[in-house]
Amino acid sequence: MNRRKSVPQLKNNKGEKRMNIGERMKFQFGGKEMEGIVTKIFPKKVYLKVDFPHHPGKIVVRKIAELEGKGPDVKKSKKKEKREKAKQERIKRREEQKGEEVKE
C-alpha cells in the first residue's frame, strides 16, 4: 500500500516558523526578486501564485530549500569548479602539444 507523506509542519525541528498558505514570499525569478502568495505547501515544494505583467495569476513551483537560501548555490558552485578544472586541463594539454612541436 502506498502511503502519502505527512503534511509539513508549520515549525521545523529548530523551532523556526515555516510558511503558511496565504503568506507573501519573495523568491528569485529571472535574476530578479519577485513576490508571490503561497497557495500549496508540500514537504519539499511550494506553489506560489504570482502576477506577471502579461500573465496574472501564474503558479510558480519552488523548492523550500531554495526559498530558505540552502538551494542550488551548492550545485552551481560544484558545476563551475568542474568546468574550470576541465578548462585548465585543456589549456595544459595544448601547451604540452605546442612544446613538443617546437622541439621537433
PDB file of N, CA and C in Angstrom:
ATOM      1  N   MET A   1       0.828  -1.168   0.000  1.00  0.00           N
ATOM      2  CA  MET A   1       0.000   0.000   0.000  1.00  0.00           C
ATOM      3  C   MET A   1       0.887   1.252   0.000  1.00  0.00           C
ATOM      4  N   ASN A   2       0.540   2.188  -0.834  1.00  0.00           N
ATOM      5  CA  ASN A   2       1.321   3.409  -0.982  1.00  0.00           C
ATOM      6  C   ASN A   2       0.775   4.482  -0.046  1.00  0.00           C
ATOM      7  N   ARG A   3       1.573   4.948   0.896  1.00  0.00           N
ATOM      8  CA  ARG A   3       1.121   5.977   1.832  1.00  0.00           C
ATOM      9  C   ARG A   3       1.736   7.316   1.472  1.00  0.00           C
ATOM     10  N   ARG A   4       0.963   8.352   1.636  1.00  0.00           N
ATOM     11  CA  ARG A   4       1.456   9.695   1.365  1.00  0.00           C
ATOM     12  C   ARG A   4       2.261  10.196   2.550  1.00  0.00           C
ATOM     13  N   LYS A   5       3.170  11.089   2.255  1.00  0.00           N
ATOM     14  CA  LYS A   5       3.956  11.702   3.326  1.00  0.00           C
ATOM     15  C   LYS A   5       3.065  12.632   4.138  1.00  0.00           C
ATOM     16  N   SER A   6       3.413  12.833   5.373  1.00  0.00           N
ATOM     17  CA  SER A   6       2.625  13.700   6.237  1.00  0.00           C
ATOM     18  C   SER A   6       2.730  15.151   5.771  1.00  0.00           C
ATOM     19  N   VAL A   7       1.742  15.933   6.150  1.00  0.00           N
ATOM     20  CA  VAL A   7       1.721  17.352   5.807  1.00  0.00           C
ATOM     21  C   VAL A   7       2.877  18.030   6.527  1.00  0.00           C
ATOM     22  N   PRO A   8       3.588  18.950   5.865  1.00  0.00           N
ATOM     23  CA  PRO A   8       4.733  19.596   6.513  1.00  0.00           C
ATOM     24  C   PRO A   8       4.309  20.377   7.754  1.00  0.00           C
ATOM     25  N   GLN A   9       5.173  20.390   8.731  1.00  0.00           N
ATOM     26  CA  GLN A   9       4.882  21.100   9.974  1.00  0.00           C
ATOM     27  C   GLN A   9       5.050  22.597   9.762  1.00  0.00           C
ATOM     28  N   LEU A  10       4.334  23.358  10.577  1.00  0.00           N
ATOM     29  CA  LEU A  10       4.458  24.806  10.487  1.00  0.00           C
ATOM     30  C   LEU A  10       5.738  25.290  11.149  1.00  0.00           C
ATOM     31  N   LYS A  11       6.346  24.432  11.974  1.00  0.00           N
ATOM     32  CA  LYS A  11       7.636  24.759  12.580  1.00  0.00           C
ATOM     33  C   LYS A  11       8.580  23.602  12.311  1.00  0.00           C
ATOM     34  N   ASN A  12       9.832  23.908  12.020  1.00  0.00           N
ATOM     35  CA  ASN A  12      10.796  22.833  11.818  1.00  0.00           C
ATOM     36  C   ASN A  12      11.399  22.429  13.161  1.00  0.00           C
ATOM     37  N   ASN A  13      12.342  21.509  13.132  1.00  0.00           N
ATOM     38  CA  ASN A  13      12.934  20.971  14.361  1.00  0.00           C
ATOM     39  C   ASN A  13      13.615  22.042  15.212  1.00  0.00           C
ATOM     40  N   LYS A  14      14.114  23.085  14.590  1.00  0.00           N
ATOM     41  CA  LYS A  14      14.835  24.134  15.317  1.00  0.00           C
ATOM     42  C   LYS A  14      13.886  25.150  15.948  1.00  0.00           C
ATOM     43  N   GLY A  15      12.600  25.014  15.699  1.00  0.00           N
ATOM     44  CA  GLY A  15      11.633  25.947  16.262  1.00  0.00           C
ATOM     45  C   GLY A  15      11.396  27.166  15.392  1.00  0.00           C
ATOM     46  N   GLU A  16      12.024  27.206  14.213  1.00  0.00           N
ATOM     47  CA  GLU A  16      11.821  28.337  13.313  1.00  0.00           C
ATOM     48  C   GLU A  16      10.450  28.210  12.655  1.00  0.00           C
ATOM     49  N   LYS A  17       9.800  29.345  12.451  1.00  0.00           N
ATOM     50  CA  LYS A  17       8.468  29.338  11.858  1.00  0.00           C
ATOM     51  C   LYS A  17       8.553  29.033  10.364  1.00  0.00           C
ATOM     52  N   ARG A  18       7.717  28.123   9.907  1.00  0.00           N
ATOM     53  CA  ARG A  18       7.628  27.808   8.484  1.00  0.00           C
ATOM     54  C   ARG A  18       6.548  28.673   7.853  1.00  0.00           C
ATOM     55  N   MET A  19       6.426  28.594   6.542  1.00  0.00           N
ATOM     56  CA  MET A  19       5.435  29.393   5.835  1.00  0.00           C
ATOM     57  C   MET A  19       4.044  28.774   5.936  1.00  0.00           C
ATOM     58  N   ASN A  20       3.018  29.604   5.791  1.00  0.00           N
ATOM     59  CA  ASN A  20       1.628  29.172   5.799  1.00  0.00           C
ATOM     60  C   ASN A  20       0.983  29.546   4.475  1.00  0.00           C
ATOM     61  N   ILE A  21      -0.131  28.925   4.163  1.00  0.00           N
ATOM     62  CA  ILE A  21      -0.875  29.259   2.952  1.00  0.00           C
ATOM     63  C   ILE A  21      -1.417  30.679   3.100  1.00  0.00           C
ATOM     64  N   GLY A  22      -1.281  31.470   2.032  1.00  0.00           N
ATOM     65  CA  GLY A  22      -1.749  32.849   2.036  1.00  0.00           C
ATOM     66  C   GLY A  22      -0.667  33.860   2.371  1.00  0.00           C
ATOM     67  N   GLU A  23       0.486  33.404   2.822  1.00  0.00           N
ATOM     68  CA  GLU A  23       1.604  34.304   3.141  1.00  0.00           C
ATOM     69  C   GLU A  23       2.260  34.815   1.870  1.00  0.00           C
ATOM     70  N   ARG A  24       2.861  35.983   1.970  1.00  0.00           N
ATOM     71  CA  ARG A  24       3.628  36.521   0.844  1.00  0.00           C
ATOM     72  C   ARG A  24       5.082  36.111   1.011  1.00  0.00           C
ATOM     73  N   MET A  25       5.675  35.616  -0.080  1.00  0.00           N
ATOM     74  CA  MET A  25       7.071  35.162  -0.070  1.00  0.00           C
ATOM     75  C   MET A  25       7.819  35.850  -1.195  1.00  0.00           C
ATOM     76  N   LYS A  26       9.074  36.184  -0.959  1.00  0.00           N
ATOM     77  CA  LYS A  26       9.934  36.714  -2.019  1.00  0.00           C
ATOM     78  C   LYS A  26      10.804  35.586  -2.524  1.00  0.00           C
ATOM     79  N   PHE A  27      11.008  35.535  -3.855  1.00  0.00           N
ATOM     80  CA  PHE A  27      11.817  34.487  -4.467  1.00  0.00           C
ATOM     81  C   PHE A  27      12.487  35.030  -5.717  1.00  0.00           C
ATOM     82  N   GLN A  28      13.501  34.319  -6.182  1.00  0.00           N
ATOM     83  CA  GLN A  28      14.246  34.726  -7.379  1.00  0.00           C
ATOM     84  C   GLN A  28      13.542  34.204  -8.627  1.00  0.00           C
ATOM     85  N   PHE A  29      13.387  35.073  -9.621  1.00  0.00           N
ATOM     86  CA  PHE A  29      12.816  34.665 -10.898  1.00  0.00           C
ATOM     87  C   PHE A  29      13.488  35.481 -11.989  1.00  0.00           C
ATOM     88  N   GLY A  30      14.230  34.822 -12.849  1.00  0.00           N
ATOM     89  CA  GLY A  30      14.897  35.510 -13.951  1.00  0.00           C
ATOM     90  C   GLY A  30      15.899  36.545 -13.484  1.00  0.00           C
ATOM     91  N   GLY A  31      16.580  36.293 -12.383  1.00  0.00           N
ATOM     92  CA  GLY A  31      17.581  37.222 -11.879  1.00  0.00           C
ATOM     93  C   GLY A  31      17.000  38.368 -11.072  1.00  0.00           C
ATOM     94  N   LYS A  32      15.684  38.435 -10.978  1.00  0.00           N
ATOM     95  CA  LYS A  32      15.033  39.494 -10.211  1.00  0.00           C
ATOM     96  C   LYS A  32      14.324  38.881  -9.012  1.00  0.00           C
ATOM     97  N   GLU A  33      14.107  39.682  -8.003  1.00  0.00           N
ATOM     98  CA  GLU A  33      13.366  39.211  -6.839  1.00  0.00           C
ATOM     99  C   GLU A  33      11.898  39.549  -7.026  1.00  0.00           C
ATOM    100  N   MET A  34      11.035  38.526  -6.963  1.00  0.00           N
ATOM    101  CA  MET A  34       9.599  38.720  -7.147  1.00  0.00           C
ATOM    102  C   MET A  34       8.880  38.303  -5.871  1.00  0.00           C
ATOM    103  N   GLU A  35       7.624  38.676  -5.781  1.00  0.00           N
ATOM    104  CA  GLU A  35       6.828  38.334  -4.611  1.00  0.00           C
ATOM    105  C   GLU A  35       5.601  37.555  -5.057  1.00  0.00           C
ATOM    106  N   GLY A  36       5.290  36.489  -4.325  1.00  0.00           N
ATOM    107  CA  GLY A  36       4.134  35.668  -4.642  1.00  0.00           C
ATOM    108  C   GLY A  36       3.415  35.246  -3.375  1.00  0.00           C
ATOM    109  N   ILE A  37       2.198  34.714  -3.553  1.00  0.00           N
ATOM    110  CA  ILE A  37       1.389  34.249  -2.432  1.00  0.00           C
ATOM    111  C   ILE A  37       1.424  32.730  -2.409  1.00  0.00           C
ATOM    112  N   VAL A  38       1.687  32.148  -1.249  1.00  0.00           N
ATOM    113  CA  VAL A  38       1.754  30.694  -1.106  1.00  0.00           C
ATOM    114  C   VAL A  38       0.351  30.123  -1.278  1.00  0.00           C
ATOM    115  N   THR A  39       0.192  29.171  -2.237  1.00  0.00           N
ATOM    116  CA  THR A  39      -1.107  28.544  -2.463  1.00  0.00           C
ATOM    117  C   THR A  39      -1.135  27.098  -1.992  1.00  0.00           C
ATOM    118  N   LYS A  40      -0.032  26.369  -2.159  1.00  0.00           N
ATOM    119  CA  LYS A  40       0.054  24.975  -1.709  1.00  0.00           C
ATOM    120  C   LYS A  40       1.423  24.744  -1.087  1.00  0.00           C
ATOM    121  N   ILE A  41       1.469  23.884  -0.066  1.00  0.00           N
ATOM    122  CA  ILE A  41       2.739  23.530   0.566  1.00  0.00           C
ATOM    123  C   ILE A  41       2.843  22.011   0.614  1.00  0.00           C
ATOM    124  N   PHE A  42       3.965  21.498   0.142  1.00  0.00           N
ATOM    125  CA  PHE A  42       4.266  20.075   0.207  1.00  0.00           C
ATOM    126  C   PHE A  42       5.569  19.913   0.983  1.00  0.00           C
ATOM    127  N   PRO A  43       5.956  18.675   1.329  1.00  0.00           N
ATOM    128  CA  PRO A  43       7.164  18.502   2.152  1.00  0.00           C
ATOM    129  C   PRO A  43       8.417  19.171   1.605  1.00  0.00           C
ATOM    130  N   LYS A  44       8.592  19.191   0.282  1.00  0.00           N
ATOM    131  CA  LYS A  44       9.810  19.784  -0.271  1.00  0.00           C
ATOM    132  C   LYS A  44       9.548  20.915  -1.257  1.00  0.00           C
ATOM    133  N   LYS A  45       8.294  21.120  -1.665  1.00  0.00           N
ATOM    134  CA  LYS A  45       7.986  22.145  -2.666  1.00  0.00           C
ATOM    135  C   LYS A  45       6.878  23.073  -2.199  1.00  0.00           C
ATOM    136  N   VAL A  46       6.859  24.269  -2.802  1.00  0.00           N
ATOM    137  CA  VAL A  46       5.852  25.281  -2.502  1.00  0.00           C
ATOM    138  C   VAL A  46       5.314  25.813  -3.823  1.00  0.00           C
ATOM    139  N   TYR A  47       4.002  26.001  -3.897  1.00  0.00           N
ATOM    140  CA  TYR A  47       3.370  26.576  -5.072  1.00  0.00           C
ATOM    141  C   TYR A  47       3.039  28.026  -4.750  1.00  0.00           C
ATOM    142  N   LEU A  48       3.541  28.943  -5.589  1.00  0.00           N
ATOM    143  CA  LEU A  48       3.343  30.375  -5.369  1.00  0.00           C
ATOM    144  C   LEU A  48       2.532  30.964  -6.516  1.00  0.00           C
ATOM    145  N   LYS A  49       1.573  31.812  -6.185  1.00  0.00           N
ATOM    146  CA  LYS A  49       0.767  32.492  -7.195  1.00  0.00           C
ATOM    147  C   LYS A  49       1.364  33.880  -7.401  1.00  0.00           C
ATOM    148  N   VAL A  50       1.752  34.171  -8.656  1.00  0.00           N
ATOM    149  CA  VAL A  50       2.458  35.417  -8.963  1.00  0.00           C
ATOM    150  C   VAL A  50       1.716  36.160 -10.069  1.00  0.00           C
ATOM    151  N   ASP A  51       1.678  37.482  -9.984  1.00  0.00           N
ATOM    152  CA  ASP A  51       1.065  38.299 -11.032  1.00  0.00           C
ATOM    153  C   ASP A  51       2.156  38.882 -11.916  1.00  0.00           C
ATOM    154  N   PHE A  52       2.317  38.297 -13.105  1.00  0.00           N
ATOM    155  CA  PHE A  52       3.245  38.822 -14.094  1.00  0.00           C
ATOM    156  C   PHE A  52       2.491  39.823 -14.967  1.00  0.00           C
ATOM    157  N   PRO A  53       3.203  40.752 -15.631  1.00  0.00           N
ATOM    158  CA  PRO A  53       2.528  41.778 -16.435  1.00  0.00           C
ATOM    159  C   PRO A  53       1.549  41.213 -17.475  1.00  0.00           C
ATOM    160  N   HIS A  54       1.964  40.191 -18.217  1.00  0.00           N
ATOM    161  CA  HIS A  54       1.096  39.639 -19.259  1.00  0.00           C
ATOM    162  C   HIS A  54       0.461  38.317 -18.854  1.00  0.00           C
ATOM    163  N   HIS A  55       0.658  37.898 -17.622  1.00  0.00           N
ATOM    164  CA  HIS A  55       0.139  36.603 -17.179  1.00  0.00           C
ATOM    165  C   HIS A  55      -0.225  36.659 -15.690  1.00  0.00           C
ATOM    166  N   PRO A  56      -1.323  37.337 -15.352  1.00  0.00           N
ATOM    167  CA  PRO A  56      -1.704  37.429 -13.936  1.00  0.00           C
ATOM    168  C   PRO A  56      -2.180  36.078 -13.391  1.00  0.00           C
ATOM    169  N   GLY A  57      -1.816  35.787 -12.154  1.00  0.00           N
ATOM    170  CA  GLY A  57      -2.265  34.554 -11.510  1.00  0.00           C
ATOM    171  C   GLY A  57      -1.478  33.319 -11.873  1.00  0.00           C
ATOM    172  N   LYS A  58      -0.275  33.485 -12.399  1.00  0.00           N
ATOM    173  CA  LYS A  58       0.549  32.335 -12.781  1.00  0.00           C
ATOM    174  C   LYS A  58       1.044  31.612 -11.530  1.00  0.00           C
ATOM    175  N   ILE A  59       1.044  30.273 -11.582  1.00  0.00           N
ATOM    176  CA  ILE A  59       1.530  29.456 -10.475  1.00  0.00           C
ATOM    177  C   ILE A  59       2.977  29.061 -10.757  1.00  0.00           C
ATOM    178  N   VAL A  60       3.860  29.337  -9.801  1.00  0.00           N
ATOM    179  CA  VAL A  60       5.280  29.013  -9.914  1.00  0.00           C
ATOM    180  C   VAL A  60       5.623  28.039  -8.792  1.00  0.00           C
ATOM    181  N   VAL A  61       6.391  26.987  -9.120  1.00  0.00           N
ATOM    182  CA  VAL A  61       6.782  25.985  -8.127  1.00  0.00           C
ATOM    183  C   VAL A  61       8.235  26.214  -7.734  1.00  0.00           C
ATOM    184  N   ARG A  62       8.513  26.229  -6.436  1.00  0.00           N
ATOM    185  CA  ARG A  62       9.878  26.383  -5.935  1.00  0.00           C
ATOM    186  C   ARG A  62      10.122  25.367  -4.828  1.00  0.00           C
ATOM    187  N   LYS A  63      11.385  24.964  -4.679  1.00  0.00           N
ATOM    188  CA  LYS A  63      11.753  24.078  -3.579  1.00  0.00           C
ATOM    189  C   LYS A  63      11.871  24.915  -2.311  1.00  0.00           C
ATOM    190  N   ILE A  64      11.471  24.339  -1.190  1.00  0.00           N
ATOM    191  CA  ILE A  64      11.531  25.054   0.090  1.00  0.00           C
ATOM    192  C   ILE A  64      12.972  25.419   0.424  1.00  0.00           C
ATOM    193  N   ALA A  65      13.887  24.491   0.186  1.00  0.00           N
ATOM    194  CA  ALA A  65      15.303  24.754   0.473  1.00  0.00           C
ATOM    195  C   ALA A  65      15.810  25.951  -0.328  1.00  0.00           C
ATOM    196  N   GLU A  66      15.338  26.089  -1.557  1.00  0.00           N
ATOM    197  CA  GLU A  66      15.750  27.201  -2.416  1.00  0.00           C
ATOM    198  C   GLU A  66      15.264  28.531  -1.832  1.00  0.00           C
ATOM    199  N   LEU A  67      14.047  28.549  -1.315  1.00  0.00           N
ATOM    200  CA  LEU A  67      13.493  29.772  -0.737  1.00  0.00           C
ATOM    201  C   LEU A  67      14.177  30.141   0.573  1.00  0.00           C
ATOM    202  N   GLU A  68      14.660  29.145   1.290  1.00  0.00           N
ATOM    203  CA  GLU A  68      15.339  29.398   2.560  1.00  0.00           C
ATOM    204  C   GLU A  68      16.810  29.722   2.365  1.00  0.00           C
ATOM    205  N   GLY A  69      17.283  29.677   1.125  1.00  0.00           N
ATOM    206  CA  GLY A  69      18.669  30.033   0.840  1.00  0.00           C
ATOM    207  C   GLY A  69      19.638  28.881   0.933  1.00  0.00           C
ATOM    208  N   LYS A  70      19.148  27.647   0.920  1.00  0.00           N
ATOM    209  CA  LYS A  70      20.029  26.490   1.017  1.00  0.00           C
ATOM    210  C   LYS A  70      20.094  25.729  -0.303  1.00  0.00           C
ATOM    211  N   GLY A  71      19.481  26.253  -1.349  1.00  0.00           N
ATOM    212  CA  GLY A  71      19.244  25.521  -2.575  1.00  0.00           C
ATOM    213  C   GLY A  71      20.381  25.323  -3.540  1.00  0.00           C
ATOM    214  N   PRO A  72      20.186  25.743  -4.770  1.00  0.00           N
ATOM    215  CA  PRO A  72      21.048  25.349  -5.872  1.00  0.00           C
ATOM    216  C   PRO A  72      22.428  25.974  -5.892  1.00  0.00           C
ATOM    217  N   ASP A  73      22.736  26.869  -4.957  1.00  0.00           N
ATOM    218  CA  ASP A  73      24.051  27.504  -4.946  1.00  0.00           C
ATOM    219  C   ASP A  73      25.160  26.464  -4.879  1.00  0.00           C
ATOM    220  N   VAL A  74      24.947  25.425  -4.092  1.00  0.00           N
ATOM    221  CA  VAL A  74      25.955  24.377  -3.935  1.00  0.00           C
ATOM    222  C   VAL A  74      26.165  23.669  -5.267  1.00  0.00           C
ATOM    223  N   LYS A  75      25.069  23.334  -5.954  1.00  0.00           N
ATOM    224  CA  LYS A  75      25.171  22.646  -7.242  1.00  0.00           C
ATOM    225  C   LYS A  75      25.899  23.516  -8.259  1.00  0.00           C
ATOM    226  N   LYS A  76      25.510  24.787  -8.314  1.00  0.00           N
ATOM    227  CA  LYS A  76      26.117  25.683  -9.287  1.00  0.00           C
ATOM    228  C   LYS A  76      27.611  25.842  -9.036  1.00  0.00           C
ATOM    229  N   SER A  77      28.000  25.970  -7.779  1.00  0.00           N
ATOM    230  CA  SER A  77      29.419  26.155  -7.487  1.00  0.00           C
ATOM    231  C   SER A  77      30.209  24.896  -7.842  1.00  0.00           C
ATOM    232  N   LYS A  78      29.635  23.720  -7.600  1.00  0.00           N
ATOM    233  CA  LYS A  78      30.315  22.477  -7.970  1.00  0.00           C
ATOM    234  C   LYS A  78      30.458  22.387  -9.481  1.00  0.00           C
ATOM    235  N   LYS A  79      29.402  22.790 -10.198  1.00  0.00           N
ATOM    236  CA  LYS A  79      29.439  22.763 -11.656  1.00  0.00           C
ATOM    237  C   LYS A  79      30.527  23.698 -12.176  1.00  0.00           C
ATOM    238  N   LYS A  80      30.603  24.896 -11.603  1.00  0.00           N
ATOM    239  CA  LYS A  80      31.613  25.865 -12.027  1.00  0.00           C
ATOM    240  C   LYS A  80      33.015  25.341 -11.771  1.00  0.00           C
ATOM    241  N   GLU A  81      33.214  24.729 -10.596  1.00  0.00           N
ATOM    242  CA  GLU A  81      34.528  24.171 -10.272  1.00  0.00           C
ATOM    243  C   GLU A  81      34.917  23.094 -11.275  1.00  0.00           C
ATOM    244  N   LYS A  82      33.964  22.255 -11.626  1.00  0.00           N
ATOM    245  CA  LYS A  82      34.225  21.170 -12.568  1.00  0.00           C
ATOM    246  C   LYS A  82      34.589  21.734 -13.945  1.00  0.00           C
ATOM    247  N   ARG A  83      33.844  22.759 -14.388  1.00  0.00           N
ATOM    248  CA  ARG A  83      34.137  23.396 -15.679  1.00  0.00           C
ATOM    249  C   ARG A  83      35.525  24.021 -15.680  1.00  0.00           C
ATOM    250  N   GLU A  84      35.851  24.738 -14.604  1.00  0.00           N
ATOM    251  CA  GLU A  84      37.162  25.385 -14.502  1.00  0.00           C
ATOM    252  C   GLU A  84      38.289  24.359 -14.540  1.00  0.00           C
ATOM    253  N   LYS A  85      38.103  23.255 -13.841  1.00  0.00           N
ATOM    254  CA  LYS A  85      39.113  22.204 -13.809  1.00  0.00           C
ATOM    255  C   LYS A  85      39.322  21.624 -15.209  1.00  0.00           C
ATOM    256  N   ALA A  86      38.226  21.356 -15.924  1.00  0.00           N
ATOM    257  CA  ALA A  86      38.315  20.818 -17.282  1.00  0.00           C
ATOM    258  C   ALA A  86      38.997  21.822 -18.209  1.00  0.00           C
ATOM    259  N   LYS A  87      38.678  23.100 -18.040  1.00  0.00           N
ATOM    260  CA  LYS A  87      39.279  24.147 -18.867  1.00  0.00           C
ATOM    261  C   LYS A  87      40.785  24.214 -18.641  1.00  0.00           C
ATOM    262  N   GLN A  88      41.212  24.155 -17.375  1.00  0.00           N
ATOM    263  CA  GLN A  88      42.638  24.190 -17.053  1.00  0.00           C
ATOM    264  C   GLN A  88      43.369  22.988 -17.648  1.00  0.00           C
ATOM    265  N   GLU A  89      42.724  21.814 -17.609  1.00  0.00           N
ATOM    266  CA  GLU A  89      43.338  20.615 -18.186  1.00  0.00           C
ATOM    267  C   GLU A  89      43.509  20.757 -19.697  1.00  0.00           C
ATOM    268  N   ARG A  90      42.495  21.319 -20.376  1.00  0.00           N
ATOM    269  CA  ARG A  90      42.590  21.529 -21.832  1.00  0.00           C
ATOM    270  C   ARG A  90      43.735  22.476 -22.164  1.00  0.00           C
ATOM    271  N   ILE A  91      43.843  23.566 -21.413  1.00  0.00           N
ATOM    272  CA  ILE A  91      44.913  24.545 -21.643  1.00  0.00           C
ATOM    273  C   ILE A  91      46.276  23.889 -21.441  1.00  0.00           C
ATOM    274  N   LYS A  92      46.400  23.098 -20.400  1.00  0.00           N
ATOM    275  CA  LYS A  92      47.660  22.424 -20.090  1.00  0.00           C
ATOM    276  C   LYS A  92      48.056  21.472 -21.221  1.00  0.00           C
ATOM    277  N   ARG A  93      47.077  20.697 -21.736  1.00  0.00           N
ATOM    278  CA  ARG A  93      47.361  19.766 -22.838  1.00  0.00           C
ATOM    279  C   ARG A  93      47.802  20.508 -24.097  1.00  0.00           C
ATOM    280  N   ARG A  94      47.136  21.630 -24.395  1.00  0.00           N
ATOM    281  CA  ARG A  94      47.501  22.413 -25.588  1.00  0.00           C
ATOM    282  C   ARG A  94      48.934  22.934 -25.478  1.00  0.00           C
ATOM    283  N   GLU A  95      49.298  23.421 -24.291  1.00  0.00           N
ATOM    284  CA  GLU A  95      50.656  23.936 -24.086  1.00  0.00           C
ATOM    285  C   GLU A  95      51.688  22.824 -24.244  1.00  0.00           C
ATOM    286  N   GLU A  96      51.368  21.636 -23.748  1.00  0.00           N
ATOM    287  CA  GLU A  96      52.282  20.498 -23.886  1.00  0.00           C
ATOM    288  C   GLU A  96      52.459  20.123 -25.355  1.00  0.00           C
ATOM    289  N   GLN A  97      51.360  20.140 -26.119  1.00  0.00           N
ATOM    290  CA  GLN A  97      51.436  19.812 -27.544  1.00  0.00           C
ATOM    291  C   GLN A  97      52.269  20.849 -28.291  1.00  0.00           C
ATOM    292  N   LYS A  98      52.086  22.122 -27.966  1.00  0.00           N
ATOM    293  CA  LYS A  98      52.867  23.176 -28.615  1.00  0.00           C
ATOM    294  C   LYS A  98      54.341  23.029 -28.278  1.00  0.00           C
ATOM    295  N   GLY A  99      54.642  22.684 -27.041  1.00  0.00           N
ATOM    296  CA  GLY A  99      56.027  22.484 -26.613  1.00  0.00           C
ATOM    297  C   GLY A  99      56.689  21.347 -27.376  1.00  0.00           C
ATOM    298  N   GLU A 100      55.972  20.273 -27.645  1.00  0.00           N
ATOM    299  CA  GLU A 100      56.506  19.136 -28.399  1.00  0.00           C
ATOM    300  C   GLU A 100      56.767  19.526 -29.853  1.00  0.00           C
ATOM    301  N   GLU A 101      55.869  20.338 -30.433  1.00  0.00           N
ATOM    302  CA  GLU A 101      56.030  20.762 -31.825  1.00  0.00           C
ATOM    303  C   GLU A 101      57.266  21.644 -31.981  1.00  0.00           C
ATOM    304  N   VAL A 102      57.515  22.506 -31.018  1.00  0.00           N
ATOM    305  CA  VAL A 102      58.654  23.417 -31.072  1.00  0.00           C
ATOM    306  C   VAL A 102      59.960  22.634 -30.991  1.00  0.00           C
ATOM    307  N   LYS A 103      60.020  21.588 -30.172  1.00  0.00           N
ATOM    308  CA  LYS A 103      61.227  20.786 -30.005  1.00  0.00           C
ATOM    309  C   LYS A 103      61.587  20.042 -31.286  1.00  0.00           C
ATOM    310  N   GLU A 104      60.599  19.654 -32.056  1.00  0.00           N
ATOM    311  CA  GLU A 104      60.855  18.887 -33.288  1.00  0.00           C
ATOM    312  C   GLU A 104      61.347  19.760 -34.365  1.00  0.00           C
TER     313      GLU A 104
END
